[in-house]
């Protein structure tokens, strides 16, 4: 692990999101887009869907979703806004739900 990776993993935002940090580090390697030393985190407050909570956010140029089930958060990162939108478009479901999530992605841009 490089010093850069260690620094990212130790940032306060990623303390409880280590898998998310590792996904972003991998995207950095693949895309050449890097987190700057100072970066902004935007996040839509969690929504509750029955027993689950869901959150969507952006860390610099990278987007993520988080799902909480039984008190455990799991995250999925996306290399950019388009990849995040593609994820929601590919999910089966109603158009209203898709519009809801795509609107939230737009709010993060």
PDB file of N, CA and C in Angstrom:
ATOM      1  N   UNK A   1       0.848  -1.175   0.000  1.00  0.00           N
ATOM      2  CA  UNK A   1       0.000   0.000   0.000  1.00  0.00           C
ATOM      3  C   UNK A   1       0.896   1.241   0.000  1.00  0.00           C
ATOM      4  N   UNK A   2       0.554   2.201  -0.831  1.00  0.00           N
ATOM      5  CA  UNK A   2       1.342   3.417  -0.904  1.00  0.00           C
ATOM      6  C   UNK A   2       0.963   4.381   0.209  1.00  0.00           C
ATOM      7  N   UNK A   3       1.812   5.355   0.424  1.00  0.00           N
ATOM      8  CA  UNK A   3       1.530   6.380   1.420  1.00  0.00           C
ATOM      9  C   UNK A   3       0.245   7.117   1.068  1.00  0.00           C
ATOM     10  N   UNK A   4       0.026   7.376  -0.225  1.00  0.00           N
ATOM     11  CA  UNK A   4      -1.204   8.046  -0.663  1.00  0.00           C
ATOM     12  C   UNK A   4      -2.431   7.230  -0.266  1.00  0.00           C
ATOM     13  N   UNK A   5      -2.392   5.935  -0.517  1.00  0.00           N
ATOM     14  CA  UNK A   5      -3.522   5.075  -0.163  1.00  0.00           C
ATOM     15  C   UNK A   5      -3.761   5.086   1.342  1.00  0.00           C
ATOM     16  N   UNK A   6      -2.698   5.022   2.109  1.00  0.00           N
ATOM     17  CA  UNK A   6      -2.823   5.051   3.567  1.00  0.00           C
ATOM     18  C   UNK A   6      -3.451   6.359   4.031  1.00  0.00           C
ATOM     19  N   UNK A   7      -3.043   7.463   3.387  1.00  0.00           N
ATOM     20  CA  UNK A   7      -3.582   8.774   3.761  1.00  0.00           C
ATOM     21  C   UNK A   7      -5.079   8.831   3.469  1.00  0.00           C
ATOM     22  N   UNK A   8      -5.488   8.351   2.303  1.00  0.00           N
ATOM     23  CA  UNK A   8      -6.916   8.354   1.952  1.00  0.00           C
ATOM     24  C   UNK A   8      -7.704   7.490   2.932  1.00  0.00           C
ATOM     25  N   UNK A   9      -7.205   6.308   3.210  1.00  0.00           N
ATOM     26  CA  UNK A   9      -7.902   5.401   4.135  1.00  0.00           C
ATOM     27  C   UNK A   9      -8.021   5.982   5.540  1.00  0.00           C
ATOM     28  N   UNK A  10      -7.105   6.875   5.908  1.00  0.00           N
ATOM     29  CA  UNK A  10      -7.131   7.441   7.258  1.00  0.00           C
ATOM     30  C   UNK A  10      -7.912   8.756   7.363  1.00  0.00           C
ATOM     31  N   UNK A  11      -8.403   9.274   6.233  1.00  0.00           N
ATOM     32  CA  UNK A  11      -9.179  10.511   6.274  1.00  0.00           C
ATOM     33  C   UNK A  11     -10.456  10.299   7.090  1.00  0.00           C
ATOM     34  N   UNK A  12     -10.869  11.309   7.858  1.00  0.00           N
ATOM     35  CA  UNK A  12     -12.060  11.157   8.710  1.00  0.00           C
ATOM     36  C   UNK A  12     -13.308  10.679   7.961  1.00  0.00           C
ATOM     37  N   UNK A  13     -13.556  11.190   6.760  1.00  0.00           N
ATOM     38  CA  UNK A  13     -14.742  10.778   6.014  1.00  0.00           C
ATOM     39  C   UNK A  13     -14.751   9.280   5.728  1.00  0.00           C
ATOM     40  N   UNK A  14     -13.575   8.703   5.520  1.00  0.00           N
ATOM     41  CA  UNK A  14     -13.485   7.285   5.149  1.00  0.00           C
ATOM     42  C   UNK A  14     -13.261   6.354   6.344  1.00  0.00           C
ATOM     43  N   UNK A  15     -13.224   6.873   7.562  1.00  0.00           N
ATOM     44  CA  UNK A  15     -12.960   6.031   8.726  1.00  0.00           C
ATOM     45  C   UNK A  15     -13.925   4.852   8.822  1.00  0.00           C
ATOM     46  N   UNK A  16     -15.202   5.097   8.556  1.00  0.00           N
ATOM     47  CA  UNK A  16     -16.196   4.023   8.614  1.00  0.00           C
ATOM     48  C   UNK A  16     -16.650   3.594   7.216  1.00  0.00           C
ATOM     49  N   UNK A  17     -15.856   3.974   6.203  1.00  0.00           N
ATOM     50  CA  UNK A  17     -16.184   3.653   4.812  1.00  0.00           C
ATOM     51  C   UNK A  17     -14.936   3.149   4.086  1.00  0.00           C
ATOM     52  N   UNK A  18     -14.240   2.207   4.677  1.00  0.00           N
ATOM     53  CA  UNK A  18     -12.988   1.727   4.109  1.00  0.00           C
ATOM     54  C   UNK A  18     -13.163   1.092   2.727  1.00  0.00           C
ATOM     55  N   UNK A  19     -14.228   0.335   2.518  1.00  0.00           N
ATOM     56  CA  UNK A  19     -14.467  -0.272   1.208  1.00  0.00           C
ATOM     57  C   UNK A  19     -14.702   0.806   0.152  1.00  0.00           C
ATOM     58  N   UNK A  20     -15.422   1.843   0.508  1.00  0.00           N
ATOM     59  CA  UNK A  20     -15.647   2.964  -0.412  1.00  0.00           C
ATOM     60  C   UNK A  20     -14.314   3.615  -0.768  1.00  0.00           C
ATOM     61  N   UNK A  21     -13.462   3.843   0.218  1.00  0.00           N
ATOM     62  CA  UNK A  21     -12.148   4.443  -0.035  1.00  0.00           C
ATOM     63  C   UNK A  21     -11.327   3.571  -0.976  1.00  0.00           C
ATOM     64  N   UNK A  22     -11.344   2.270  -0.772  1.00  0.00           N
ATOM     65  CA  UNK A  22     -10.580   1.359  -1.632  1.00  0.00           C
ATOM     66  C   UNK A  22     -11.109   1.376  -3.063  1.00  0.00           C
ATOM     67  N   UNK A  23     -12.426   1.483  -3.218  1.00  0.00           N
ATOM     68  CA  UNK A  23     -12.999   1.568  -4.561  1.00  0.00           C
ATOM     69  C   UNK A  23     -12.541   2.850  -5.257  1.00  0.00           C
ATOM     70  N   UNK A  24     -12.519   3.958  -4.527  1.00  0.00           N
ATOM     71  CA  UNK A  24     -12.081   5.235  -5.094  1.00  0.00           C
ATOM     72  C   UNK A  24     -10.599   5.185  -5.445  1.00  0.00           C
ATOM     73  N   UNK A  25      -9.786   4.576  -4.607  1.00  0.00           N
ATOM     74  CA  UNK A  25      -8.355   4.417  -4.903  1.00  0.00           C
ATOM     75  C   UNK A  25      -8.182   3.619  -6.199  1.00  0.00           C
ATOM     76  N   UNK A  26      -8.988   2.583  -6.373  1.00  0.00           N
ATOM     77  CA  UNK A  26      -8.923   1.788  -7.608  1.00  0.00           C
ATOM     78  C   UNK A  26      -9.323   2.635  -8.818  1.00  0.00           C
ATOM     79  N   UNK A  27     -10.368   3.456  -8.674  1.00  0.00           N
ATOM     80  CA  UNK A  27     -10.769   4.346  -9.767  1.00  0.00           C
ATOM     81  C   UNK A  27      -9.666   5.335 -10.108  1.00  0.00           C
ATOM     82  N   UNK A  28      -8.962   5.816  -9.098  1.00  0.00           N
ATOM     83  CA  UNK A  28      -7.842   6.727  -9.356  1.00  0.00           C
ATOM     84  C   UNK A  28      -6.827   6.055 -10.275  1.00  0.00           C
ATOM     85  N   UNK A  29      -6.497   4.811  -9.973  1.00  0.00           N
ATOM     86  CA  UNK A  29      -5.524   4.065 -10.779  1.00  0.00           C
ATOM     87  C   UNK A  29      -6.029   3.842 -12.198  1.00  0.00           C
ATOM     88  N   UNK A  30      -7.325   3.528 -12.333  1.00  0.00           N
ATOM     89  CA  UNK A  30      -7.893   3.206 -13.642  1.00  0.00           C
ATOM     90  C   UNK A  30      -8.136   4.438 -14.512  1.00  0.00           C
ATOM     91  N   UNK A  31      -8.555   5.549 -13.895  1.00  0.00           N
ATOM     92  CA  UNK A  31      -8.987   6.713 -14.673  1.00  0.00           C
ATOM     93  C   UNK A  31      -7.969   7.840 -14.717  1.00  0.00           C
ATOM     94  N   UNK A  32      -7.034   7.871 -13.768  1.00  0.00           N
ATOM     95  CA  UNK A  32      -6.097   8.987 -13.700  1.00  0.00           C
ATOM     96  C   UNK A  32      -6.711  10.222 -13.069  1.00  0.00           C
ATOM     97  N   UNK A  33      -7.941  10.123 -12.547  1.00  0.00           N
ATOM     98  CA  UNK A  33      -8.586  11.215 -11.820  1.00  0.00           C
ATOM     99  C   UNK A  33      -8.312  10.967 -10.334  1.00  0.00           C
ATOM    100  N   UNK A  34      -7.696  11.958  -9.673  1.00  0.00           N
ATOM    101  CA  UNK A  34      -7.271  11.785  -8.286  1.00  0.00           C
ATOM    102  C   UNK A  34      -8.005  12.725  -7.356  1.00  0.00           C
ATOM    103  N   UNK A  35      -8.213  12.252  -6.127  1.00  0.00           N
ATOM    104  CA  UNK A  35      -8.741  13.130  -5.100  1.00  0.00           C
ATOM    105  C   UNK A  35      -7.694  14.197  -4.813  1.00  0.00           C
ATOM    106  N   UNK A  36      -8.085  15.476  -4.804  1.00  0.00           N
ATOM    107  CA  UNK A  36      -7.122  16.505  -4.425  1.00  0.00           C
ATOM    108  C   UNK A  36      -6.885  16.461  -2.907  1.00  0.00           C
ATOM    109  N   UNK A  37      -5.893  17.200  -2.433  1.00  0.00           N
ATOM    110  CA  UNK A  37      -5.625  17.233  -0.995  1.00  0.00           C
ATOM    111  C   UNK A  37      -6.834  17.743  -0.221  1.00  0.00           C
ATOM    112  N   UNK A  38      -7.507  18.730  -0.775  1.00  0.00           N
ATOM    113  CA  UNK A  38      -8.738  19.251  -0.176  1.00  0.00           C
ATOM    114  C   UNK A  38      -9.870  18.937  -1.146  1.00  0.00           C
ATOM    115  N   UNK A  39     -10.865  18.205  -0.709  1.00  0.00           N
ATOM    116  CA  UNK A  39     -11.980  17.859  -1.595  1.00  0.00           C
ATOM    117  C   UNK A  39     -13.295  18.021  -0.858  1.00  0.00           C
ATOM    118  N   UNK A  40     -14.336  18.233  -1.648  1.00  0.00           N
ATOM    119  CA  UNK A  40     -15.667  18.429  -1.118  1.00  0.00           C
ATOM    120  C   UNK A  40     -16.441  17.111  -1.155  1.00  0.00           C
ATOM    121  N   UNK A  41     -17.207  16.896  -0.110  1.00  0.00           N
ATOM    122  CA  UNK A  41     -18.120  15.759  -0.057  1.00  0.00           C
ATOM    123  C   UNK A  41     -19.531  16.326  -0.051  1.00  0.00           C
ATOM    124  N   UNK A  42     -20.329  15.913  -1.012  1.00  0.00           N
ATOM    125  CA  UNK A  42     -21.745  16.273  -1.048  1.00  0.00           C
ATOM    126  C   UNK A  42     -22.524  14.995  -0.822  1.00  0.00           C
ATOM    127  N   UNK A  43     -23.569  15.110  -0.018  1.00  0.00           N
ATOM    128  CA  UNK A  43     -24.348  13.909   0.272  1.00  0.00           C
ATOM    129  C   UNK A  43     -25.801  14.307   0.482  1.00  0.00           C
ATOM    130  N   UNK A  44     -26.708  13.546  -0.094  1.00  0.00           N
ATOM    131  CA  UNK A  44     -28.138  13.730   0.129  1.00  0.00           C
ATOM    132  C   UNK A  44     -28.470  12.988   1.424  1.00  0.00           C
ATOM    133  N   UNK A  45     -29.231  13.608   2.333  1.00  0.00           N
ATOM    134  CA  UNK A  45     -29.578  12.901   3.578  1.00  0.00           C
ATOM    135  C   UNK A  45     -30.204  11.538   3.294  1.00  0.00           C
ATOM    136  N   UNK A  46     -29.957  10.574   4.164  1.00  0.00           N
ATOM    137  CA  UNK A  46     -30.477   9.215   3.929  1.00  0.00           C
ATOM    138  C   UNK A  46     -32.004   9.183   3.821  1.00  0.00           C
ATOM    139  N   UNK A  47     -32.469   8.349   2.907  1.00  0.00           N
ATOM    140  CA  UNK A  47     -33.897   8.073   2.758  1.00  0.00           C
ATOM    141  C   UNK A  47     -34.159   6.706   3.344  1.00  0.00           C
ATOM    142  N   UNK A  48     -35.346   6.545   3.962  1.00  0.00           N
ATOM    143  CA  UNK A  48     -35.707   5.250   4.523  1.00  0.00           C
ATOM    144  C   UNK A  48     -36.690   4.548   3.604  1.00  0.00           C
ATOM    145  N   UNK A  49     -36.386   3.279   3.338  1.00  0.00           N
ATOM    146  CA  UNK A  49     -37.236   2.414   2.532  1.00  0.00           C
ATOM    147  C   UNK A  49     -37.511   1.167   3.354  1.00  0.00           C
ATOM    148  N   UNK A  50     -38.555   1.186   4.134  1.00  0.00           N
ATOM    149  CA  UNK A  50     -38.860   0.044   4.992  1.00  0.00           C
ATOM    150  C   UNK A  50     -37.762  -0.146   6.024  1.00  0.00           C
ATOM    151  N   UNK A  51     -37.131  -1.301   5.992  1.00  0.00           N
ATOM    152  CA  UNK A  51     -36.072  -1.635   6.949  1.00  0.00           C
ATOM    153  C   UNK A  51     -34.705  -1.088   6.538  1.00  0.00           C
ATOM    154  N   UNK A  52     -34.629  -0.504   5.371  1.00  0.00           N
ATOM    155  CA  UNK A  52     -33.338  -0.053   4.845  1.00  0.00           C
ATOM    156  C   UNK A  52     -33.281   1.460   4.740  1.00  0.00           C
ATOM    157  N   UNK A  53     -32.045   1.962   4.764  1.00  0.00           N
ATOM    158  CA  UNK A  53     -31.775   3.362   4.481  1.00  0.00           C
ATOM    159  C   UNK A  53     -30.876   3.409   3.260  1.00  0.00           C
ATOM    160  N   UNK A  54     -31.023   4.456   2.473  1.00  0.00           N
ATOM    161  CA  UNK A  54     -30.176   4.629   1.300  1.00  0.00           C
ATOM    162  C   UNK A  54     -29.683   6.070   1.262  1.00  0.00           C
ATOM    163  N   UNK A  55     -28.437   6.226   0.833  1.00  0.00           N
ATOM    164  CA  UNK A  55     -27.839   7.549   0.704  1.00  0.00           C
ATOM    165  C   UNK A  55     -27.090   7.597  -0.620  1.00  0.00           C
ATOM    166  N   UNK A  56     -27.026   8.780  -1.194  1.00  0.00           N
ATOM    167  CA  UNK A  56     -26.268   8.972  -2.418  1.00  0.00           C
ATOM    168  C   UNK A  56     -25.395  10.205  -2.217  1.00  0.00           C
ATOM    169  N   UNK A  57     -24.172  10.142  -2.740  1.00  0.00           N
ATOM    170  CA  UNK A  57     -23.266  11.259  -2.527  1.00  0.00           C
ATOM    171  C   UNK A  57     -22.181  11.337  -3.581  1.00  0.00           C
ATOM    172  N   UNK A  58     -21.364  12.384  -3.413  1.00  0.00           N
ATOM    173  CA  UNK A  58     -20.254  12.606  -4.342  1.00  0.00           C
ATOM    174  C   UNK A  58     -19.046  13.021  -3.526  1.00  0.00           C
ATOM    175  N   UNK A  59     -17.908  12.399  -3.824  1.00  0.00           N
ATOM    176  CA  UNK A  59     -16.614  12.742  -3.239  1.00  0.00           C
ATOM    177  C   UNK A  59     -15.758  13.210  -4.403  1.00  0.00           C
ATOM    178  N   UNK A  60     -15.552  14.526  -4.489  1.00  0.00           N
ATOM    179  CA  UNK A  60     -14.848  15.139  -5.607  1.00  0.00           C
ATOM    180  C   UNK A  60     -15.554  14.731  -6.902  1.00  0.00           C
ATOM    181  N   UNK A  61     -14.947  13.960  -7.789  1.00  0.00           N
ATOM    182  CA  UNK A  61     -15.561  13.569  -9.062  1.00  0.00           C
ATOM    183  C   UNK A  61     -16.232  12.199  -8.986  1.00  0.00           C
ATOM    184  N   UNK A  62     -16.092  11.516  -7.854  1.00  0.00           N
ATOM    185  CA  UNK A  62     -16.596  10.154  -7.706  1.00  0.00           C
ATOM    186  C   UNK A  62     -17.945  10.154  -6.994  1.00  0.00           C
ATOM    187  N   UNK A  63     -18.849   9.337  -7.478  1.00  0.00           N
ATOM    188  CA  UNK A  63     -20.190   9.227  -6.887  1.00  0.00           C
ATOM    189  C   UNK A  63     -20.278   7.920  -6.103  1.00  0.00           C
ATOM    190  N   UNK A  64     -21.206   7.887  -5.154  1.00  0.00           N
ATOM    191  CA  UNK A  64     -21.399   6.652  -4.387  1.00  0.00           C
ATOM    192  C   UNK A  64     -22.844   6.544  -3.930  1.00  0.00           C
ATOM    193  N   UNK A  65     -23.243   5.311  -3.683  1.00  0.00           N
ATOM    194  CA  UNK A  65     -24.500   5.038  -3.005  1.00  0.00           C
ATOM    195  C   UNK A  65     -24.168   4.183  -1.795  1.00  0.00           C
ATOM    196  N   UNK A  66     -24.975   4.325  -0.779  1.00  0.00           N
ATOM    197  CA  UNK A  66     -24.822   3.516   0.420  1.00  0.00           C
ATOM    198  C   UNK A  66     -26.174   2.955   0.808  1.00  0.00           C
ATOM    199  N   UNK A  67     -26.180   1.712   1.211  1.00  0.00           N
ATOM    200  CA  UNK A  67     -27.394   1.043   1.672  1.00  0.00           C
ATOM    201  C   UNK A  67     -27.117   0.527   3.080  1.00  0.00           C
ATOM    202  N   UNK A  68     -28.018   0.846   3.993  1.00  0.00           N
ATOM    203  CA  UNK A  68     -27.885   0.376   5.374  1.00  0.00           C
ATOM    204  C   UNK A  68     -28.978  -0.646   5.643  1.00  0.00           C
ATOM    205  N   UNK A  69     -28.542  -1.819   6.025  1.00  0.00           N
ATOM    206  CA  UNK A  69     -29.474  -2.882   6.392  1.00  0.00           C
ATOM    207  C   UNK A  69     -29.011  -3.453   7.725  1.00  0.00           C
ATOM    208  N   UNK A  70     -29.924  -3.466   8.691  1.00  0.00           N
ATOM    209  CA  UNK A  70     -29.634  -3.971  10.030  1.00  0.00           C
ATOM    210  C   UNK A  70     -28.433  -3.263  10.642  1.00  0.00           C
ATOM    211  N   UNK A  71     -28.340  -1.945  10.411  1.00  0.00           N
ATOM    212  CA  UNK A  71     -27.294  -1.129  11.017  1.00  0.00           C
ATOM    213  C   UNK A  71     -25.927  -1.194  10.362  1.00  0.00           C
ATOM    214  N   UNK A  72     -25.816  -1.934   9.256  1.00  0.00           N
ATOM    215  CA  UNK A  72     -24.530  -2.068   8.565  1.00  0.00           C
ATOM    216  C   UNK A  72     -24.629  -1.377   7.210  1.00  0.00           C
ATOM    217  N   UNK A  73     -23.713  -0.411   6.985  1.00  0.00           N
ATOM    218  CA  UNK A  73     -23.691   0.315   5.714  1.00  0.00           C
ATOM    219  C   UNK A  73     -22.782  -0.391   4.725  1.00  0.00           C
ATOM    220  N   UNK A  74     -23.267  -0.506   3.500  1.00  0.00           N
ATOM    221  CA  UNK A  74     -22.465  -1.018   2.386  1.00  0.00           C
ATOM    222  C   UNK A  74     -22.482   0.045   1.298  1.00  0.00           C
ATOM    223  N   UNK A  75     -21.315   0.251   0.674  1.00  0.00           N
ATOM    224  CA  UNK A  75     -21.177   1.321  -0.309  1.00  0.00           C
ATOM    225  C   UNK A  75     -20.736   0.784  -1.664  1.00  0.00           C
ATOM    226  N   UNK A  76     -21.162   1.492  -2.701  1.00  0.00           N
ATOM    227  CA  UNK A  76     -20.717   1.222  -4.056  1.00  0.00           C
ATOM    228  C   UNK A  76     -20.310   2.546  -4.667  1.00  0.00           C
ATOM    229  N   UNK A  77     -19.090   2.621  -5.167  1.00  0.00           N
ATOM    230  CA  UNK A  77     -18.585   3.835  -5.799  1.00  0.00           C
ATOM    231  C   UNK A  77     -18.739   3.742  -7.311  1.00  0.00           C
ATOM    232  N   UNK A  78     -18.790   4.912  -7.925  1.00  0.00           N
ATOM    233  CA  UNK A  78     -18.870   5.019  -9.377  1.00  0.00           C
ATOM    234  C   UNK A  78     -17.830   6.030  -9.826  1.00  0.00           C
ATOM    235  N   UNK A  79     -17.190   5.766 -10.955  1.00  0.00           N
ATOM    236  CA  UNK A  79     -16.088   6.607 -11.425  1.00  0.00           C
ATOM    237  C   UNK A  79     -16.536   8.016 -11.800  1.00  0.00           C
ATOM    238  N   UNK A  80     -17.816   8.158 -12.164  1.00  0.00           N
ATOM    239  CA  UNK A  80     -18.296   9.481 -12.560  1.00  0.00           C
ATOM    240  C   UNK A  80     -19.820   9.508 -12.524  1.00  0.00           C
ATOM    241  N   UNK A  81     -20.377  10.669 -12.832  1.00  0.00           N
ATOM    242  CA  UNK A  81     -21.826  10.852 -12.791  1.00  0.00           C
ATOM    243  C   UNK A  81     -22.541   9.899 -13.751  1.00  0.00           C
ATOM    244  N   UNK A  82     -22.009   9.738 -14.952  1.00  0.00           N
ATOM    245  CA  UNK A  82     -22.657   8.887 -15.955  1.00  0.00           C
ATOM    246  C   UNK A  82     -22.724   7.430 -15.487  1.00  0.00           C
ATOM    247  N   UNK A  83     -21.655   6.917 -14.898  1.00  0.00           N
ATOM    248  CA  UNK A  83     -21.670   5.525 -14.422  1.00  0.00           C
ATOM    249  C   UNK A  83     -22.710   5.343 -13.322  1.00  0.00           C
ATOM    250  N   UNK A  84     -22.869   6.358 -12.471  1.00  0.00           N
ATOM    251  CA  UNK A  84     -23.873   6.301 -11.413  1.00  0.00           C
ATOM    252  C   UNK A  84     -25.277   6.270 -12.018  1.00  0.00           C
ATOM    253  N   UNK A  85     -25.522   7.133 -13.002  1.00  0.00           N
ATOM    254  CA  UNK A  85     -26.827   7.144 -13.662  1.00  0.00           C
ATOM    255  C   UNK A  85     -27.098   5.812 -14.352  1.00  0.00           C
ATOM    256  N   UNK A  86     -26.082   5.262 -15.016  1.00  0.00           N
ATOM    257  CA  UNK A  86     -26.247   3.975 -15.701  1.00  0.00           C
ATOM    258  C   UNK A  86     -26.682   2.882 -14.732  1.00  0.00           C
ATOM    259  N   UNK A  87     -26.140   2.912 -13.507  1.00  0.00           N
ATOM    260  CA  UNK A  87     -26.505   1.926 -12.492  1.00  0.00           C
ATOM    261  C   UNK A  87     -28.005   1.971 -12.224  1.00  0.00           C
ATOM    262  N   UNK A  88     -28.541   3.180 -12.010  1.00  0.00           N
ATOM    263  CA  UNK A  88     -29.970   3.298 -11.696  1.00  0.00           C
ATOM    264  C   UNK A  88     -30.848   2.993 -12.901  1.00  0.00           C
ATOM    265  N   UNK A  89     -30.404   3.360 -14.084  1.00  0.00           N
ATOM    266  CA  UNK A  89     -31.177   3.086 -15.287  1.00  0.00           C
ATOM    267  C   UNK A  89     -31.292   1.577 -15.520  1.00  0.00           C
ATOM    268  N   UNK A  90     -30.245   0.829 -15.146  1.00  0.00           N
ATOM    269  CA  UNK A  90     -30.227  -0.620 -15.360  1.00  0.00           C
ATOM    270  C   UNK A  90     -31.071  -1.385 -14.344  1.00  0.00           C
ATOM    271  N   UNK A  91     -31.444  -0.759 -13.236  1.00  0.00           N
ATOM    272  CA  UNK A  91     -32.232  -1.450 -12.218  1.00  0.00           C
ATOM    273  C   UNK A  91     -33.680  -1.612 -12.676  1.00  0.00           C
ATOM    274  N   UNK A  92     -34.280  -2.762 -12.381  1.00  0.00           N
ATOM    275  CA  UNK A  92     -35.705  -2.894 -12.685  1.00  0.00           C
ATOM    276  C   UNK A  92     -36.498  -2.049 -11.687  1.00  0.00           C
ATOM    277  N   UNK A  93     -37.582  -1.490 -12.108  1.00  0.00           N
ATOM    278  CA  UNK A  93     -38.391  -0.699 -11.186  1.00  0.00           C
ATOM    279  C   UNK A  93     -39.257   0.288 -11.925  1.00  0.00           C
ATOM    280  N   UNK A  94     -39.942   1.082 -11.149  1.00  0.00           N
ATOM    281  CA  UNK A  94     -40.871   2.047 -11.713  1.00  0.00           C
ATOM    282  C   UNK A  94     -40.140   3.308 -12.162  1.00  0.00           C
ATOM    283  N   UNK A  95     -40.718   3.975 -13.126  1.00  0.00           N
ATOM    284  CA  UNK A  95     -40.134   5.215 -13.639  1.00  0.00           C
ATOM    285  C   UNK A  95     -40.051   6.293 -12.567  1.00  0.00           C
ATOM    286  N   UNK A  96     -41.019   6.316 -11.632  1.00  0.00           N
ATOM    287  CA  UNK A  96     -41.007   7.325 -10.573  1.00  0.00           C
ATOM    288  C   UNK A  96     -39.772   7.157  -9.694  1.00  0.00           C
ATOM    289  N   UNK A  97     -39.420   5.913  -9.373  1.00  0.00           N
ATOM    290  CA  UNK A  97     -38.229   5.663  -8.551  1.00  0.00           C
ATOM    291  C   UNK A  97     -36.976   6.078  -9.295  1.00  0.00           C
ATOM    292  N   UNK A  98     -36.897   5.764 -10.569  1.00  0.00           N
ATOM    293  CA  UNK A  98     -35.744   6.141 -11.377  1.00  0.00           C
ATOM    294  C   UNK A  98     -35.621   7.659 -11.423  1.00  0.00           C
ATOM    295  N   UNK A  99     -36.711   8.345 -11.654  1.00  0.00           N
ATOM    296  CA  UNK A  99     -36.691   9.810 -11.706  1.00  0.00           C
ATOM    297  C   UNK A  99     -36.229  10.386 -10.373  1.00  0.00           C
ATOM    298  N   UNK A 100     -36.651   9.783  -9.273  1.00  0.00           N
ATOM    299  CA  UNK A 100     -36.249  10.228  -7.942  1.00  0.00           C
ATOM    300  C   UNK A 100     -34.732  10.172  -7.787  1.00  0.00           C
ATOM    301  N   UNK A 101     -34.123   9.042  -8.130  1.00  0.00           N
ATOM    302  CA  UNK A 101     -32.678   8.885  -7.974  1.00  0.00           C
ATOM    303  C   UNK A 101     -31.897   9.735  -8.971  1.00  0.00           C
ATOM    304  N   UNK A 102     -32.361   9.815 -10.204  1.00  0.00           N
ATOM    305  CA  UNK A 102     -31.658  10.648 -11.186  1.00  0.00           C
ATOM    306  C   UNK A 102     -31.715  12.114 -10.777  1.00  0.00           C
ATOM    307  N   UNK A 103     -32.812  12.550 -10.197  1.00  0.00           N
ATOM    308  CA  UNK A 103     -32.924  13.910  -9.707  1.00  0.00           C
ATOM    309  C   UNK A 103     -31.901  14.157  -8.592  1.00  0.00           C
ATOM    310  N   UNK A 104     -31.744  13.198  -7.699  1.00  0.00           N
ATOM    311  CA  UNK A 104     -30.770  13.339  -6.621  1.00  0.00           C
ATOM    312  C   UNK A 104     -29.348  13.399  -7.154  1.00  0.00           C
ATOM    313  N   UNK A 105     -29.061  12.639  -8.194  1.00  0.00           N
ATOM    314  CA  UNK A 105     -27.736  12.690  -8.814  1.00  0.00           C
ATOM    315  C   UNK A 105     -27.507  14.092  -9.374  1.00  0.00           C
ATOM    316  N   UNK A 106     -28.524  14.655 -10.004  1.00  0.00           N
ATOM    317  CA  UNK A 106     -28.410  16.022 -10.550  1.00  0.00           C
ATOM    318  C   UNK A 106     -28.142  17.032  -9.436  1.00  0.00           C
ATOM    319  N   UNK A 107     -28.756  16.841  -8.276  1.00  0.00           N
ATOM    320  CA  UNK A 107     -28.542  17.759  -7.152  1.00  0.00           C
ATOM    321  C   UNK A 107     -27.086  17.727  -6.658  1.00  0.00           C
ATOM    322  N   UNK A 108     -26.419  16.611  -6.853  1.00  0.00           N
ATOM    323  CA  UNK A 108     -25.026  16.474  -6.413  1.00  0.00           C
ATOM    324  C   UNK A 108     -24.039  17.070  -7.400  1.00  0.00           C
ATOM    325  N   UNK A 109     -24.438  17.213  -8.650  1.00  0.00           N
ATOM    326  CA  UNK A 109     -23.509  17.671  -9.700  1.00  0.00           C
ATOM    327  C   UNK A 109     -23.029  19.099  -9.478  1.00  0.00           C
TER     328      UNK A 109
END
